[in-house]
């Protein structure tokens, strides 16, 4: 699993630039929380930003995880917290990513089961029909 931190500023967002020590901390935090899904995830692009609400002028910290999954579409998970707690924003996003991964992997498992069931029925039908042809 590759974890990258995106420091490119996106329109209207103030990207949070983190030093190597913090990047190492967040990488180990994310890797540890996702250790059960290591073989399912190819890459995670982490984007941290400090944003301002237009209505009430409050600030919040946002974490966006763009995740590439093996043999599946990418997932984009975002979380935001009302204060400057970057760690909390990352933890919430990772927990949401875990929930989404469970759903995606369960669907893949069910699709595989349905596919195997179809192939078994097809094979059985061919065995039953071929002797009469």
C-alpha atoms as a PDB file:
ATOM      1  CA  UNK A   1       0.000   0.000   0.000  1.00  0.00           C
ATOM      2  CA  UNK A   2       1.404   3.375  -1.036  1.00  0.00           C
ATOM      3  CA  UNK A   3       0.413   6.466   0.938  1.00  0.00           C
ATOM      4  CA  UNK A   4       1.064   9.872  -0.586  1.00  0.00           C
ATOM      5  CA  UNK A   5       0.368  13.306   0.822  1.00  0.00           C
ATOM      6  CA  UNK A   6      -0.941  15.787  -1.709  1.00  0.00           C
ATOM      7  CA  UNK A   7       0.328  19.287  -1.134  1.00  0.00           C
ATOM      8  CA  UNK A   8      -1.130  20.832  -4.288  1.00  0.00           C
ATOM      9  CA  UNK A   9      -3.488  23.658  -3.383  1.00  0.00           C
ATOM     10  CA  UNK A  10      -7.007  23.156  -4.685  1.00  0.00           C
ATOM     11  CA  UNK A  11      -9.224  26.112  -5.524  1.00  0.00           C
ATOM     12  CA  UNK A  12     -10.736  27.703  -2.384  1.00  0.00           C
ATOM     13  CA  UNK A  13      -8.917  25.311  -0.046  1.00  0.00           C
ATOM     14  CA  UNK A  14      -5.865  26.118   2.045  1.00  0.00           C
ATOM     15  CA  UNK A  15      -3.745  22.997   1.824  1.00  0.00           C
ATOM     16  CA  UNK A  16      -2.042  22.072   5.066  1.00  0.00           C
ATOM     17  CA  UNK A  17       1.646  21.418   4.474  1.00  0.00           C
ATOM     18  CA  UNK A  18       3.109  18.898   6.890  1.00  0.00           C
ATOM     19  CA  UNK A  19       6.741  18.189   7.655  1.00  0.00           C
ATOM     20  CA  UNK A  20       8.488  14.822   7.246  1.00  0.00           C
ATOM     21  CA  UNK A  21       8.009  13.895  10.903  1.00  0.00           C
ATOM     22  CA  UNK A  22       4.243  14.490  10.746  1.00  0.00           C
ATOM     23  CA  UNK A  23       4.025  12.729   7.398  1.00  0.00           C
ATOM     24  CA  UNK A  24       5.756   9.707   8.913  1.00  0.00           C
ATOM     25  CA  UNK A  25       3.357   9.788  11.884  1.00  0.00           C
ATOM     26  CA  UNK A  26       0.245   9.975   9.673  1.00  0.00           C
ATOM     27  CA  UNK A  27       1.589   7.262   7.363  1.00  0.00           C
ATOM     28  CA  UNK A  28       2.106   4.870  10.275  1.00  0.00           C
ATOM     29  CA  UNK A  29      -1.284   5.808  11.754  1.00  0.00           C
ATOM     30  CA  UNK A  30      -3.087   5.100   8.469  1.00  0.00           C
ATOM     31  CA  UNK A  31      -1.079   1.949   7.755  1.00  0.00           C
ATOM     32  CA  UNK A  32      -1.763   0.555  11.222  1.00  0.00           C
ATOM     33  CA  UNK A  33      -5.518   1.203  11.005  1.00  0.00           C
ATOM     34  CA  UNK A  34      -5.718  -0.350   7.515  1.00  0.00           C
ATOM     35  CA  UNK A  35      -3.405  -3.324   8.078  1.00  0.00           C
ATOM     36  CA  UNK A  36      -6.261  -5.808   7.463  1.00  0.00           C
ATOM     37  CA  UNK A  37      -6.859  -4.271   4.011  1.00  0.00           C
ATOM     38  CA  UNK A  38      -3.229  -3.949   2.912  1.00  0.00           C
ATOM     39  CA  UNK A  39      -3.616  -6.419   0.038  1.00  0.00           C
ATOM     40  CA  UNK A  40      -6.814  -4.718  -1.184  1.00  0.00           C
ATOM     41  CA  UNK A  41      -5.481  -1.151  -1.364  1.00  0.00           C
ATOM     42  CA  UNK A  42      -3.008  -0.042  -4.020  1.00  0.00           C
ATOM     43  CA  UNK A  43      -2.614   3.610  -3.126  1.00  0.00           C
ATOM     44  CA  UNK A  44      -4.013   6.297  -0.850  1.00  0.00           C
ATOM     45  CA  UNK A  45      -3.669   9.979  -1.679  1.00  0.00           C
ATOM     46  CA  UNK A  46      -4.147  12.061   1.479  1.00  0.00           C
ATOM     47  CA  UNK A  47      -5.132  15.699   1.200  1.00  0.00           C
ATOM     48  CA  UNK A  48      -5.394  17.854   4.295  1.00  0.00           C
ATOM     49  CA  UNK A  49      -6.881  21.323   4.108  1.00  0.00           C
ATOM     50  CA  UNK A  50      -7.998  24.152   6.342  1.00  0.00           C
ATOM     51  CA  UNK A  51     -11.292  25.611   5.138  1.00  0.00           C
ATOM     52  CA  UNK A  52     -13.534  28.477   6.102  1.00  0.00           C
ATOM     53  CA  UNK A  53     -17.306  28.310   6.144  1.00  0.00           C
ATOM     54  CA  UNK A  54     -18.945  31.103   4.208  1.00  0.00           C
ATOM     55  CA  UNK A  55     -22.098  31.364   6.310  1.00  0.00           C
ATOM     56  CA  UNK A  56     -20.862  31.652   9.876  1.00  0.00           C
ATOM     57  CA  UNK A  57     -17.171  32.282   9.255  1.00  0.00           C
ATOM     58  CA  UNK A  58     -15.995  29.240  11.206  1.00  0.00           C
ATOM     59  CA  UNK A  59     -12.952  27.180  10.341  1.00  0.00           C
ATOM     60  CA  UNK A  60     -12.738  23.437   9.919  1.00  0.00           C
ATOM     61  CA  UNK A  61     -10.081  20.921   9.003  1.00  0.00           C
ATOM     62  CA  UNK A  62     -10.784  18.549   6.144  1.00  0.00           C
ATOM     63  CA  UNK A  63      -9.158  15.228   5.266  1.00  0.00           C
ATOM     64  CA  UNK A  64      -9.744  13.702   1.835  1.00  0.00           C
ATOM     65  CA  UNK A  65      -8.589  10.138   1.125  1.00  0.00           C
ATOM     66  CA  UNK A  66      -8.549   9.156  -2.543  1.00  0.00           C
ATOM     67  CA  UNK A  67      -8.069   5.405  -2.439  1.00  0.00           C
ATOM     68  CA  UNK A  68      -7.246   3.073  -5.325  1.00  0.00           C
ATOM     69  CA  UNK A  69      -8.544  -0.434  -4.660  1.00  0.00           C
ATOM     70  CA  UNK A  70      -7.368  -3.626  -6.363  1.00  0.00           C
ATOM     71  CA  UNK A  71      -9.785  -4.738  -9.110  1.00  0.00           C
ATOM     72  CA  UNK A  72     -12.310  -2.039  -8.256  1.00  0.00           C
ATOM     73  CA  UNK A  73     -13.137   1.629  -8.676  1.00  0.00           C
ATOM     74  CA  UNK A  74     -11.456   4.262  -6.547  1.00  0.00           C
ATOM     75  CA  UNK A  75     -13.045   5.551  -3.363  1.00  0.00           C
ATOM     76  CA  UNK A  76     -12.998   9.178  -2.254  1.00  0.00           C
ATOM     77  CA  UNK A  77     -13.676   9.620   1.455  1.00  0.00           C
ATOM     78  CA  UNK A  78     -13.811  13.030   3.118  1.00  0.00           C
ATOM     79  CA  UNK A  79     -14.135  14.052   6.730  1.00  0.00           C
ATOM     80  CA  UNK A  80     -14.148  17.398   8.425  1.00  0.00           C
ATOM     81  CA  UNK A  81     -13.866  18.533  12.004  1.00  0.00           C
ATOM     82  CA  UNK A  82     -14.785  21.901  13.463  1.00  0.00           C
ATOM     83  CA  UNK A  83     -11.436  22.573  15.057  1.00  0.00           C
ATOM     84  CA  UNK A  84      -7.804  22.348  13.973  1.00  0.00           C
ATOM     85  CA  UNK A  85      -7.440  18.721  15.050  1.00  0.00           C
ATOM     86  CA  UNK A  86      -5.790  17.160  11.994  1.00  0.00           C
ATOM     87  CA  UNK A  87      -5.388  13.780  13.704  1.00  0.00           C
ATOM     88  CA  UNK A  88      -9.125  13.563  14.398  1.00  0.00           C
ATOM     89  CA  UNK A  89      -9.937  14.436  10.771  1.00  0.00           C
ATOM     90  CA  UNK A  90      -7.584  11.686   9.554  1.00  0.00           C
ATOM     91  CA  UNK A  91      -8.954   9.099  12.001  1.00  0.00           C
ATOM     92  CA  UNK A  92     -12.561   9.815  11.027  1.00  0.00           C
ATOM     93  CA  UNK A  93     -11.688   9.564   7.328  1.00  0.00           C
ATOM     94  CA  UNK A  94      -9.832   6.277   7.851  1.00  0.00           C
ATOM     95  CA  UNK A  95     -12.740   4.811   9.842  1.00  0.00           C
ATOM     96  CA  UNK A  96     -15.147   5.851   7.068  1.00  0.00           C
ATOM     97  CA  UNK A  97     -12.774   4.290   4.530  1.00  0.00           C
ATOM     98  CA  UNK A  98     -12.794   1.012   6.479  1.00  0.00           C
ATOM     99  CA  UNK A  99     -16.602   0.960   6.450  1.00  0.00           C
ATOM    100  CA  UNK A 100     -16.644   1.617   2.692  1.00  0.00           C
ATOM    101  CA  UNK A 101     -13.983  -1.039   2.075  1.00  0.00           C
ATOM    102  CA  UNK A 102     -16.039  -3.597   3.971  1.00  0.00           C
ATOM    103  CA  UNK A 103     -19.017  -2.818   1.743  1.00  0.00           C
ATOM    104  CA  UNK A 104     -17.003  -2.939  -1.500  1.00  0.00           C
ATOM    105  CA  UNK A 105     -15.250  -6.177  -0.573  1.00  0.00           C
ATOM    106  CA  UNK A 106     -18.519  -7.809   0.512  1.00  0.00           C
ATOM    107  CA  UNK A 107     -20.080  -6.891  -2.842  1.00  0.00           C
ATOM    108  CA  UNK A 108     -17.093  -8.345  -4.686  1.00  0.00           C
ATOM    109  CA  UNK A 109     -17.366 -11.522  -2.615  1.00  0.00           C
ATOM    110  CA  UNK A 110     -21.098 -11.809  -3.330  1.00  0.00           C
ATOM    111  CA  UNK A 111     -20.529 -11.221  -7.048  1.00  0.00           C
ATOM    112  CA  UNK A 112     -17.904 -13.948  -7.074  1.00  0.00           C
ATOM    113  CA  UNK A 113     -20.250 -16.344  -5.301  1.00  0.00           C
ATOM    114  CA  UNK A 114     -23.038 -15.587  -7.778  1.00  0.00           C
ATOM    115  CA  UNK A 115     -20.605 -16.038 -10.678  1.00  0.00           C
ATOM    116  CA  UNK A 116     -19.366 -19.370  -9.332  1.00  0.00           C
ATOM    117  CA  UNK A 117     -22.934 -20.498  -8.760  1.00  0.00           C
ATOM    118  CA  UNK A 118     -23.839 -19.605 -12.352  1.00  0.00           C
ATOM    119  CA  UNK A 119     -20.814 -21.466 -13.719  1.00  0.00           C
ATOM    120  CA  UNK A 120     -21.638 -24.558 -11.630  1.00  0.00           C
ATOM    121  CA  UNK A 121     -25.208 -24.563 -12.917  1.00  0.00           C
ATOM    122  CA  UNK A 122     -24.005 -24.083 -16.491  1.00  0.00           C
ATOM    123  CA  UNK A 123     -21.484 -26.926 -16.141  1.00  0.00           C
ATOM    124  CA  UNK A 124     -24.132 -29.203 -14.631  1.00  0.00           C
ATOM    125  CA  UNK A 125     -26.574 -28.337 -17.422  1.00  0.00           C
ATOM    126  CA  UNK A 126     -23.931 -29.064 -20.065  1.00  0.00           C
ATOM    127  CA  UNK A 127     -23.203 -32.441 -18.454  1.00  0.00           C
ATOM    128  CA  UNK A 128     -26.882 -33.290 -18.427  1.00  0.00           C
ATOM    129  CA  UNK A 129     -27.578 -32.114 -21.989  1.00  0.00           C
ATOM    130  CA  UNK A 130     -24.448 -33.287 -23.856  1.00  0.00           C
ATOM    131  CA  UNK A 131     -25.109 -37.014 -23.547  1.00  0.00           C
ATOM    132  CA  UNK A 132     -28.419 -36.560 -25.403  1.00  0.00           C
ATOM    133  CA  UNK A 133     -26.971 -34.619 -28.335  1.00  0.00           C
END
